[in-house]
Each structure stands twice: as C-alpha cells, then as structure tokens.
Amino acid sequence: MSAIIKQHSASPDAAALVADQPLVTGGLDFGGITEKVSGIVERKTPKAWWLAFSLAASVLLMLVGSIGWLVYEGVGIWGLNNPVGWGWDIVNFVFWVGIGHAGTLISAILFLMRQRWRTAINRFAEAMTIVAVICALMFPAIHVGRIWVLHWFFPVPNQMSMWPNFRSPLLWDFFAVGTYFTVSTIFWYVGLIPDLATLRDRAKTRARQIVFGILSLGWRGGNRQWRHYELVYLMLAGLATPLVLSVHSIVSTDFATSLIPGWHTTIFPPYFVAGAIFSGFGMVMTLALIARKIFKLEDIITIGHLEKMNKVMLVTGSMVGYAYISEFFMAWYSGNIYEAFTFVNRAFGNYAWAYWIMFLCNVVTPQLFWFKKIRTSIPVMFVISIFVNIGMWFERFVIIVTSLARDFLPSSWGYYAPSKWDIMIFIGSFGLFFTLFLLFLRFLPMISMTEIKGVMPEADPHAHGHDGHAAEAAGGEA
C-alpha cells in the first residue's frame, strides 16, 4: 500500500484538499471501508436481489426467445421497410455503445487528470461499460440477417479464401467496439486485483479462497507489486483515453460517410462523443443512486460526488444542444435544399413528436443543473438522469429514421413503425444488461476499496497526525 499512499500524498496541498472536500464521510477508516464494501459480497444474498435478478432474467429469456424467432424467420419480422432499412436495431446499437462511454471516461481520463472524486463510482461505471458494450455488440450481429455466417466479416481469411471488405462500416465497428471492449475489460480487471485479494484473505470457505485466490493472481501487496500495478494501471488509462474519442467517432462515421441528407456532416464525431458521455453519465447516475440507497453507501458516494456528475451532465448536455442548433444553421447556410428539408422535416414533419421529446430531455432538462438546490436533490437528479437516457435514445431514433424515411425520391417515402419483435428485443436488451450487472453487484466489490483508501486522510502520512508507519500499517488491510 505504500506506493499508492505515496502517489496520493505527493502534492503538498493534498491534506488541505481532503480536509476541505471530504470524499468519505461518516467517520469511516480503512477498516470500515473494507468491512462495508466486502460485507456486501460476503453477506447472505438478500431477497430483494433475488427478486430483481428473477425479473431481469425473465426479461432476458424474452430476448433469447425473440432472437431465436428472428434467426428462424428472418429480419422481416422487424418493422423495416423501403427506404428505412435501419430501424430500432441500429438505434439500440448506437444507444448501448453510448451508455458504455462514461465508465472509461471516469476510469481513464479522470484518473489521468487526478480527479479524486472518481474513486467512489469508477468500479461500477467500468462494469456498466462492459455490460453495455455486450448489449451493443448483439445488435449488429443479429442485424446481418444470416447470423450463421457472421464469422465472414471477422478480419481473417475464411474458407472461401476471401477477406472482408475493409471499406465496410460493419468492419470498422468490429475493430472499434472490439478494441474498446477488450481494453475496458482488462482495465476493469486490473483494478479489481487488490480488492479480490482482500476478499481472498477474508474468505471463510475453501471454495471462496480458491476462486478469489485464482482471480487475484497471487497478489500480496508488496512494494514491488504496488509499483508494477500502478505503472500498468497508468499505461492502461493512457490506452483507454483515446478510445473514448475513437469508438463513437467511428460509429458516427458509419453515418457521416454516406450521402444521406442529415448524415453527411463533419460535426458527427464530436457530436456523438459528447452525446455518448452525456448518456453514459445519465445511466451511471441512475445506477449509483439505486446502489447508494440499497447498500447504504451514502458515506462513500456522497452528495459531492453526485453534484460533480451533474455538472458533467450539464456541460455535455449543453454541448449536445449546441450541436442540435448548429445542425440547423449549417443546413441553412449550406444552401443545400435536401439538407434544409431534412432538418425542417425533423422538427415539424411526421416525426416531430420524437424530435421535441429528444430536445426537451437532452437540452432543456439538464439546464436545471445550473441551480445548486437541484444539483443536490436526489429525487430530482434521479428523474433527470432517466430523462437523459430517454432523450438520448430518441436522439439516435431521430438521426437514423428521419433521414431514411424521407430520402431524395418522394415516391419512395415511407413511415417507419416498430413491430412487436423490435420492442421485445429492445426491452430484452435491458434484461441482459441488468442480469449481468446484478451478478457483478452480488459477487464482486462494486466500490474500489484500494482507490477509496488512497484518497482518505489516513493515506497522507503528513495529515491529521498520521505518520508514515501508521499509514503503512493501516494500508495493510487492503
């Protein structure tokens, strides 16, 4: 623990910062943090968890059944038509990829910027990222139709001696999302190793000792291990940081490289990235508030943490609003009649209801966070976080469907409406998300005990009368 204590006490003003803005309240010390977080995993499974897991698993079964029927019958069971060849399937794909952005932002970028408040929420934000990307990867796979030859688009020669088309956006998504998932999973697992060792040392059954012993990779907490751990963690944070920008930029180029009015624009990469961070923080807020209440984590996930997340949502929501307005300006300024028609049609055409739901949820609602009383009100921020994710789903719907439904030929115009199978698969994706996330909450520490201890006053040998030996001794509990 000495290396991480040294890292967090490097600044001469560290003690003053911790004293001014306590990141852990309730008088918890190192032992209290270990007991509180480990106890969630070690206690008997509560009935509420079983109830929530049963509900999520039931919805997951609906997803499995719907996909089974889709494979048997074909994509014709969806509401796709001519010209709307992309419907809820691609809307859901972009939505879930966006949800996964907040985890890497909190873990990597805020870590490199030495934002200490991230330590309370980074662990389950990382888990949310991994689960959301799994949900996202499902939709391009089932969208291709002939799912039994899905391996053809992998970047390896197949039995027909053919390479995939490297100009295909489907292959871009494979590289981008696959890399993002791999790095995020490694980053999440490396951060877990010291906490898994804590669970191993506290285990009361032989089975738990063996499982956590294998997963903790022989961690003993020696000084050399801590130095190697921090170096690897820093390198992974550096690798993950550009992925936050690249993944959704590549997803946006699936649209921007086309000639469809409303898609063919250079603002899409920053627009999509800002929206992804916005929606990701909205989902983190929703999950954090629920976990905070159920597991009594008010001393670790404080109002200060929640207020900072609300400020991030305010900034990214304002960026998204700026992108909406600039799109209308550029459509007018370009003099392109097709672009101008597309955006007027979005706001006042057949899908105006979807556009204004999007605008209200994504632009108007987050502006309430300018007021401190609202930023610190848990019921209000919970409702706004749900509105944010509703709005971001409608944003993807508006971008995809309105541009396709009214293309260059009025004779081919149509109105897209989802079928019951579209709706069931979308709802079922939430079943997959919550099933995997609930398993994480039950069997792994949802809070990074190591990082929380690193930002506490006890981690600074010069603060509050703690000398280096006392801090080192307390750190041994990690």
Foldseek 3Di string as FASTA:
>chain_A
DLVLLCVQQVDPCLQVVCVVPPQFDDPDALVNLLCLLLVLQPDDDDPVLVVLLVVLVVLLVLLVVLLVVCLVPWPVLKLADVPQLDALLVLLLLLLQLLLLQLLCLQQVCVVVVPLNSQFQNQLSLVLNLLSLVLNVVRVLSSVTNNVVSCQQPQDQDPVRDGHDPVALVNVLCVLSVVLNVLSVVLNLLLQLVVLVLQLVVDPDPVSVVVSVVSNPNDQPDPVVVVVSVVVNNVSSVVNVVSLQPNQLSVLVNQCVDPQQLNVDPCRSVLSSLLSNLLNLLVSLLVCLVCCVVSVVCSNCDLVSQLVSLVSNLVSLQVNVVVLVVQQVCLVVVPDPNNNVLNVCLCPNPPVVLVVLLCCLRHVLSVVSVDVVQSSDSVNSNVSSVSSSSSSSSVSNSSSQSRSQDGPDPVRHDHGDTRVSSVSNSSSSVSSSSSSSSVCSNNGRSGSSLSSNSSHQLSHCPHPVHHSVSSVVSVSSD
